[in-house]
Every structure is written in structure tokens, then in C-alpha cells.
Amino acid sequence: EEGNILIKEKKEGSSFVLQGIIYSPQGSVAIINNELLHEGDALMGQFKVKKIESNGVVLEKEGKEYFLKWEG
């Protein structure tokens, strides 16, 4: 299965803006707030990118999970 590249315009008024997902079995990348992030990366020093899925990104902070949904 080949990866998918999804891009959208930034929306204002949100702490985290999911701008794109490059989804691939070999290693996915998310574009959040103009940063390229891989699973395990830190975001704003407080959140961890736990999982990148084809429909969004799972962020973790202090044991709680937050799902940043792709709305492209």
C-alpha cells in the first residue's frame, strides 16, 4: 500500500493546527503548526506525538490522549 499525502490550509483560532499528513507504513509524518513531526516527537515541549494515523494524530500529555482530527 502506498502512502497518502494530505495538505490543507491553516485555520486560525486553534492551539494546534493539523496542516498535513504524510501517511506511510514505512513512517508517517504530520505537519502541525508548520512543524514536521514523527511519532515520538515533542510538540510545544508538553505534548508527545503518540501515533500518526491516516485520519488524524494522537497527542499525549500527562497520560491523557487527545485526537487531532484531519478535516481535509
N, C-alpha and C. Protein backbone atom coordinates (compact mmCIF):
# COMPACT_ATOMS: atom_id res chain seq x y z
N GLU A 1 0.84 -1.18 0.00
CA GLU A 1 0.00 0.00 0.00
C GLU A 1 0.88 1.24 0.00
N GLU A 2 0.60 2.15 -0.89
CA GLU A 2 1.37 3.38 -0.97
C GLU A 2 0.85 4.40 0.03
N GLY A 3 1.71 5.33 0.42
CA GLY A 3 1.32 6.36 1.36
C GLY A 3 0.45 7.43 0.71
N ASN A 4 -0.21 8.19 1.54
CA ASN A 4 -1.05 9.29 1.07
C ASN A 4 -0.49 10.60 1.59
N ILE A 5 -0.58 11.64 0.79
CA ILE A 5 -0.17 12.97 1.22
C ILE A 5 -1.42 13.85 1.24
N LEU A 6 -1.72 14.39 2.41
CA LEU A 6 -2.90 15.23 2.58
C LEU A 6 -2.46 16.60 3.07
N ILE A 7 -2.89 17.65 2.41
CA ILE A 7 -2.49 19.01 2.78
C ILE A 7 -3.75 19.88 2.84
N LYS A 8 -3.78 20.80 3.79
CA LYS A 8 -4.89 21.75 3.83
C LYS A 8 -4.38 23.09 4.34
N GLU A 9 -5.19 24.09 4.21
CA GLU A 9 -4.83 25.43 4.66
C GLU A 9 -4.97 25.53 6.17
N LYS A 10 -4.17 26.39 6.77
CA LYS A 10 -4.21 26.62 8.21
C LYS A 10 -5.50 27.33 8.60
N LYS A 11 -6.12 26.86 9.67
CA LYS A 11 -7.29 27.53 10.22
C LYS A 11 -6.87 28.28 11.48
N GLU A 12 -7.36 29.48 11.65
CA GLU A 12 -6.99 30.29 12.81
C GLU A 12 -7.84 29.90 14.02
N GLY A 13 -7.34 30.23 15.22
CA GLY A 13 -8.12 30.08 16.43
C GLY A 13 -7.95 28.76 17.15
N SER A 14 -7.03 27.92 16.75
CA SER A 14 -6.81 26.64 17.41
C SER A 14 -5.37 26.57 17.90
N SER A 15 -5.16 25.95 19.07
CA SER A 15 -3.81 25.82 19.60
C SER A 15 -2.94 24.97 18.68
N PHE A 16 -3.51 23.88 18.18
CA PHE A 16 -2.80 23.01 17.27
C PHE A 16 -3.54 22.97 15.94
N VAL A 17 -2.81 23.20 14.87
CA VAL A 17 -3.40 23.16 13.54
C VAL A 17 -2.74 22.03 12.78
N LEU A 18 -3.53 21.00 12.46
CA LEU A 18 -3.04 19.87 11.67
C LEU A 18 -3.14 20.29 10.21
N GLN A 19 -1.98 20.56 9.61
CA GLN A 19 -1.95 21.08 8.24
C GLN A 19 -1.74 20.01 7.20
N GLY A 20 -1.22 18.86 7.60
CA GLY A 20 -1.00 17.81 6.63
C GLY A 20 -0.55 16.52 7.28
N ILE A 21 -0.77 15.42 6.56
CA ILE A 21 -0.32 14.10 6.99
C ILE A 21 0.33 13.42 5.79
N ILE A 22 1.53 12.91 6.00
CA ILE A 22 2.16 12.05 5.00
C ILE A 22 2.12 10.66 5.64
N TYR A 23 1.16 9.85 5.20
CA TYR A 23 0.90 8.56 5.83
C TYR A 23 1.56 7.45 5.02
N SER A 24 2.45 6.70 5.68
CA SER A 24 3.17 5.62 5.01
C SER A 24 3.49 4.53 6.02
N PRO A 25 3.38 3.26 5.61
CA PRO A 25 3.76 2.16 6.51
C PRO A 25 5.23 2.23 6.93
N GLN A 26 6.07 2.87 6.13
CA GLN A 26 7.49 2.98 6.46
C GLN A 26 7.78 4.08 7.48
N GLY A 27 6.80 4.92 7.78
CA GLY A 27 7.00 6.01 8.74
C GLY A 27 6.21 7.23 8.32
N SER A 28 5.24 7.60 9.12
CA SER A 28 4.37 8.72 8.78
C SER A 28 4.90 10.02 9.38
N VAL A 29 4.48 11.13 8.77
CA VAL A 29 4.86 12.46 9.22
C VAL A 29 3.60 13.31 9.30
N ALA A 30 3.50 14.13 10.34
CA ALA A 30 2.39 15.08 10.46
C ALA A 30 2.96 16.49 10.42
N ILE A 31 2.21 17.39 9.82
CA ILE A 31 2.58 18.81 9.81
C ILE A 31 1.60 19.51 10.75
N ILE A 32 2.12 19.94 11.90
CA ILE A 32 1.30 20.62 12.91
C ILE A 32 1.98 21.94 13.23
N ASN A 33 1.23 23.04 13.10
CA ASN A 33 1.76 24.38 13.37
C ASN A 33 3.08 24.62 12.62
N ASN A 34 3.11 24.25 11.35
CA ASN A 34 4.27 24.44 10.48
C ASN A 34 5.50 23.62 10.87
N GLU A 35 5.34 22.59 11.71
CA GLU A 35 6.44 21.71 12.09
C GLU A 35 6.22 20.32 11.51
N LEU A 36 7.29 19.72 10.98
CA LEU A 36 7.24 18.33 10.54
C LEU A 36 7.53 17.45 11.75
N LEU A 37 6.59 16.56 12.08
CA LEU A 37 6.71 15.75 13.29
C LEU A 37 6.53 14.27 12.98
N HIS A 38 7.33 13.45 13.66
CA HIS A 38 7.22 11.99 13.56
C HIS A 38 6.66 11.46 14.88
N GLU A 39 6.24 10.21 14.89
CA GLU A 39 5.79 9.59 16.13
C GLU A 39 6.92 9.63 17.15
N GLY A 40 6.60 10.04 18.38
CA GLY A 40 7.60 10.14 19.44
C GLY A 40 8.15 11.55 19.63
N ASP A 41 7.92 12.44 18.66
CA ASP A 41 8.42 13.81 18.76
C ASP A 41 7.62 14.61 19.79
N ALA A 42 8.25 15.65 20.34
CA ALA A 42 7.59 16.55 21.28
C ALA A 42 7.01 17.74 20.52
N LEU A 43 5.87 18.22 21.00
CA LEU A 43 5.21 19.38 20.41
C LEU A 43 5.00 20.41 21.51
N MET A 44 5.57 21.58 21.33
CA MET A 44 5.49 22.68 22.30
C MET A 44 6.01 22.26 23.68
N GLY A 45 6.88 21.27 23.74
CA GLY A 45 7.51 20.87 24.98
C GLY A 45 6.61 20.15 25.97
N GLN A 46 5.31 20.05 25.68
CA GLN A 46 4.38 19.45 26.64
C GLN A 46 3.67 18.22 26.08
N PHE A 47 3.46 18.20 24.78
CA PHE A 47 2.73 17.12 24.14
C PHE A 47 3.68 16.21 23.39
N LYS A 48 3.33 14.94 23.32
CA LYS A 48 4.10 13.96 22.56
C LYS A 48 3.21 13.45 21.42
N VAL A 49 3.81 13.33 20.24
CA VAL A 49 3.09 12.74 19.11
C VAL A 49 3.12 11.22 19.32
N LYS A 50 2.00 10.68 19.77
CA LYS A 50 1.95 9.25 20.10
C LYS A 50 1.75 8.39 18.87
N LYS A 51 0.83 8.80 17.98
CA LYS A 51 0.55 8.00 16.79
C LYS A 51 0.04 8.89 15.67
N ILE A 52 0.50 8.61 14.45
CA ILE A 52 0.01 9.31 13.27
C ILE A 52 -0.81 8.32 12.46
N GLU A 53 -2.08 8.64 12.26
CA GLU A 53 -2.99 7.78 11.52
C GLU A 53 -3.41 8.50 10.24
N SER A 54 -4.07 7.78 9.34
CA SER A 54 -4.48 8.40 8.08
C SER A 54 -5.56 9.46 8.27
N ASN A 55 -6.29 9.40 9.40
CA ASN A 55 -7.38 10.36 9.62
C ASN A 55 -7.11 11.33 10.76
N GLY A 56 -5.88 11.34 11.30
CA GLY A 56 -5.57 12.27 12.36
C GLY A 56 -4.33 11.86 13.15
N VAL A 57 -4.08 12.61 14.22
CA VAL A 57 -2.89 12.41 15.04
C VAL A 57 -3.29 12.29 16.50
N VAL A 58 -2.71 11.31 17.19
CA VAL A 58 -2.94 11.14 18.63
C VAL A 58 -1.80 11.84 19.37
N LEU A 59 -2.17 12.83 20.19
CA LEU A 59 -1.20 13.53 21.03
C LEU A 59 -1.39 13.06 22.47
N GLU A 60 -0.31 13.08 23.25
CA GLU A 60 -0.38 12.65 24.64
C GLU A 60 0.25 13.71 25.53
N LYS A 61 -0.41 13.98 26.66
CA LYS A 61 0.13 14.91 27.66
C LYS A 61 -0.27 14.39 29.04
N GLU A 62 0.71 14.14 29.88
CA GLU A 62 0.49 13.69 31.26
C GLU A 62 -0.46 12.49 31.32
N GLY A 63 -0.27 11.53 30.41
CA GLY A 63 -1.07 10.31 30.42
C GLY A 63 -2.42 10.41 29.75
N LYS A 64 -2.82 11.61 29.33
CA LYS A 64 -4.10 11.78 28.64
C LYS A 64 -3.85 11.88 27.14
N GLU A 65 -4.77 11.29 26.37
CA GLU A 65 -4.64 11.32 24.91
C GLU A 65 -5.63 12.31 24.31
N TYR A 66 -5.18 12.99 23.26
CA TYR A 66 -6.00 13.94 22.53
C TYR A 66 -5.90 13.59 21.06
N PHE A 67 -7.03 13.56 20.37
CA PHE A 67 -7.04 13.21 18.94
C PHE A 67 -7.24 14.48 18.13
N LEU A 68 -6.27 14.77 17.28
CA LEU A 68 -6.33 15.91 16.38
C LEU A 68 -6.81 15.38 15.04
N LYS A 69 -8.08 15.62 14.73
CA LYS A 69 -8.71 15.01 13.56
C LYS A 69 -8.36 15.76 12.28
N TRP A 70 -8.12 14.97 11.24
CA TRP A 70 -7.88 15.54 9.91
C TRP A 70 -9.22 15.97 9.34
N GLU A 71 -9.31 17.23 8.93
CA GLU A 71 -10.56 17.75 8.39
C GLU A 71 -10.38 18.24 6.96
N GLY A 72 -9.50 17.59 6.22
CA GLY A 72 -9.23 17.99 4.84
C GLY A 72 -10.29 17.52 3.95
